[in-house]
Amino acid sequence: MLLRYPYEVRSEQEYFHEIQDVKITKDMLDLAKYIVSQRSGRFEPEKFEDQYETVLIDLINQKRAGKPIVPKERPKGENVST
């Protein structure tokens, strides 16, 4: 935990003053609740696989073994900025 002195803490108004107060219709709120309920689920950590970590560990192991690291070919036709 990071503690701050009072003079280091700024007012929330400095951060949130630009956010407008928007009135949401009942229909829009119902739609949002429906979408959230359809996409909600129970998180099961034992089924989660961090693909980024897996690939990173594989690259580290290749580097340790002295193997050259060859970048994979990028898929064609995807809008990926470089």
C-alpha atoms as a PDB file:
ATOM      1  CA  MET A   1       0.000   0.000   0.000  1.00  0.00           C
ATOM      2  CA  LEU A   2       1.247   3.445  -0.856  1.00  0.00           C
ATOM      3  CA  LEU A   3       0.492   6.202   1.627  1.00  0.00           C
ATOM      4  CA  ARG A   4       0.358   9.836   0.594  1.00  0.00           C
ATOM      5  CA  TYR A   5       0.699  13.082   2.484  1.00  0.00           C
ATOM      6  CA  PRO A   6      -2.411  15.288   2.374  1.00  0.00           C
ATOM      7  CA  TYR A   7      -0.681  17.836   0.134  1.00  0.00           C
ATOM      8  CA  GLU A   8      -0.048  15.056  -2.445  1.00  0.00           C
ATOM      9  CA  VAL A   9      -3.720  14.127  -2.754  1.00  0.00           C
ATOM     10  CA  ARG A  10      -5.697  16.132  -5.267  1.00  0.00           C
ATOM     11  CA  SER A  11      -9.429  16.728  -5.377  1.00  0.00           C
ATOM     12  CA  GLU A  12     -11.540  14.338  -7.435  1.00  0.00           C
ATOM     13  CA  GLN A  13     -12.926  17.392  -9.268  1.00  0.00           C
ATOM     14  CA  GLU A  14      -9.558  17.805 -10.988  1.00  0.00           C
ATOM     15  CA  TYR A  15     -10.012  14.409 -12.598  1.00  0.00           C
ATOM     16  CA  PHE A  16     -13.748  14.108 -13.162  1.00  0.00           C
ATOM     17  CA  HIS A  17     -14.879  17.670 -13.894  1.00  0.00           C
ATOM     18  CA  GLU A  18     -15.164  16.990 -17.645  1.00  0.00           C
ATOM     19  CA  ILE A  19     -17.552  14.056 -17.217  1.00  0.00           C
ATOM     20  CA  GLN A  20     -21.037  15.239 -18.064  1.00  0.00           C
ATOM     21  CA  ASP A  21     -24.133  14.200 -16.149  1.00  0.00           C
ATOM     22  CA  VAL A  22     -25.996  12.097 -18.710  1.00  0.00           C
ATOM     23  CA  LYS A  23     -29.608  11.048 -18.310  1.00  0.00           C
ATOM     24  CA  ILE A  24     -30.135   7.439 -19.399  1.00  0.00           C
ATOM     25  CA  THR A  25     -33.538   6.272 -20.559  1.00  0.00           C
ATOM     26  CA  LYS A  26     -35.126   3.210 -18.980  1.00  0.00           C
ATOM     27  CA  ASP A  27     -34.893   1.359 -22.312  1.00  0.00           C
ATOM     28  CA  MET A  28     -31.146   1.970 -22.551  1.00  0.00           C
ATOM     29  CA  LEU A  29     -30.623   0.884 -18.943  1.00  0.00           C
ATOM     30  CA  ASP A  30     -32.666  -2.286 -19.512  1.00  0.00           C
ATOM     31  CA  LEU A  31     -30.647  -3.037 -22.655  1.00  0.00           C
ATOM     32  CA  ALA A  32     -27.368  -2.566 -20.796  1.00  0.00           C
ATOM     33  CA  LYS A  33     -28.537  -4.845 -17.965  1.00  0.00           C
ATOM     34  CA  TYR A  34     -29.584  -7.480 -20.508  1.00  0.00           C
ATOM     35  CA  ILE A  35     -26.208  -7.385 -22.288  1.00  0.00           C
ATOM     36  CA  VAL A  36     -24.319  -7.648 -18.995  1.00  0.00           C
ATOM     37  CA  SER A  37     -26.484 -10.548 -17.826  1.00  0.00           C
ATOM     38  CA  GLN A  38     -25.915 -12.403 -21.123  1.00  0.00           C
ATOM     39  CA  ARG A  39     -22.128 -11.938 -20.989  1.00  0.00           C
ATOM     40  CA  SER A  40     -21.704 -12.575 -17.268  1.00  0.00           C
ATOM     41  CA  GLY A  41     -20.383 -15.844 -15.987  1.00  0.00           C
ATOM     42  CA  ARG A  42     -18.496 -17.441 -13.188  1.00  0.00           C
ATOM     43  CA  PHE A  43     -14.725 -17.096 -13.348  1.00  0.00           C
ATOM     44  CA  GLU A  44     -12.969 -20.398 -12.873  1.00  0.00           C
ATOM     45  CA  PRO A  45      -9.259 -19.669 -12.324  1.00  0.00           C
ATOM     46  CA  GLU A  46      -8.218 -23.283 -12.843  1.00  0.00           C
ATOM     47  CA  LYS A  47      -9.533 -23.121 -16.433  1.00  0.00           C
ATOM     48  CA  PHE A  48      -7.779 -19.839 -17.228  1.00  0.00           C
ATOM     49  CA  GLU A  49      -4.622 -20.002 -19.322  1.00  0.00           C
ATOM     50  CA  ASP A  50      -2.525 -16.891 -19.704  1.00  0.00           C
ATOM     51  CA  GLN A  51      -1.453 -17.292 -23.332  1.00  0.00           C
ATOM     52  CA  TYR A  52       0.870 -14.287 -23.132  1.00  0.00           C
ATOM     53  CA  GLU A  53       2.742 -15.850 -20.205  1.00  0.00           C
ATOM     54  CA  THR A  54       2.952 -19.220 -21.984  1.00  0.00           C
ATOM     55  CA  VAL A  55       4.480 -17.687 -25.121  1.00  0.00           C
ATOM     56  CA  LEU A  56       6.837 -15.503 -23.086  1.00  0.00           C
ATOM     57  CA  ILE A  57       8.134 -18.481 -21.072  1.00  0.00           C
ATOM     58  CA  ASP A  58       8.644 -20.412 -24.308  1.00  0.00           C
ATOM     59  CA  LEU A  59      10.677 -17.521 -25.765  1.00  0.00           C
ATOM     60  CA  ILE A  60      12.774 -17.271 -22.601  1.00  0.00           C
ATOM     61  CA  ASN A  61      13.490 -21.000 -22.689  1.00  0.00           C
ATOM     62  CA  GLN A  62      14.501 -20.785 -26.363  1.00  0.00           C
ATOM     63  CA  LYS A  63      16.833 -17.916 -25.547  1.00  0.00           C
ATOM     64  CA  ARG A  64      18.373 -19.854 -22.639  1.00  0.00           C
ATOM     65  CA  ALA A  65      18.946 -22.848 -24.905  1.00  0.00           C
ATOM     66  CA  GLY A  66      20.812 -20.610 -27.352  1.00  0.00           C
ATOM     67  CA  LYS A  67      18.224 -21.039 -30.102  1.00  0.00           C
ATOM     68  CA  PRO A  68      17.629 -18.091 -32.409  1.00  0.00           C
ATOM     69  CA  ILE A  69      14.390 -16.208 -31.837  1.00  0.00           C
ATOM     70  CA  VAL A  70      12.535 -15.966 -35.134  1.00  0.00           C
ATOM     71  CA  PRO A  71       9.420 -13.756 -35.220  1.00  0.00           C
ATOM     72  CA  LYS A  72       6.303 -15.478 -36.514  1.00  0.00           C
ATOM     73  CA  GLU A  73       4.788 -14.346 -39.784  1.00  0.00           C
ATOM     74  CA  ARG A  74       1.968 -11.866 -39.298  1.00  0.00           C
ATOM     75  CA  PRO A  75      -1.399 -12.892 -40.692  1.00  0.00           C
ATOM     76  CA  LYS A  76      -2.257 -11.111 -43.928  1.00  0.00           C
ATOM     77  CA  GLY A  77      -5.276  -8.855 -44.182  1.00  0.00           C
ATOM     78  CA  GLU A  78      -5.583  -7.918 -40.529  1.00  0.00           C
ATOM     79  CA  ASN A  79      -5.635  -4.287 -39.510  1.00  0.00           C
ATOM     80  CA  VAL A  80      -2.649  -4.221 -37.168  1.00  0.00           C
ATOM     81  CA  SER A  81      -0.710  -1.031 -36.649  1.00  0.00           C
ATOM     82  CA  THR A  82       3.061  -1.197 -36.278  1.00  0.00           C
END
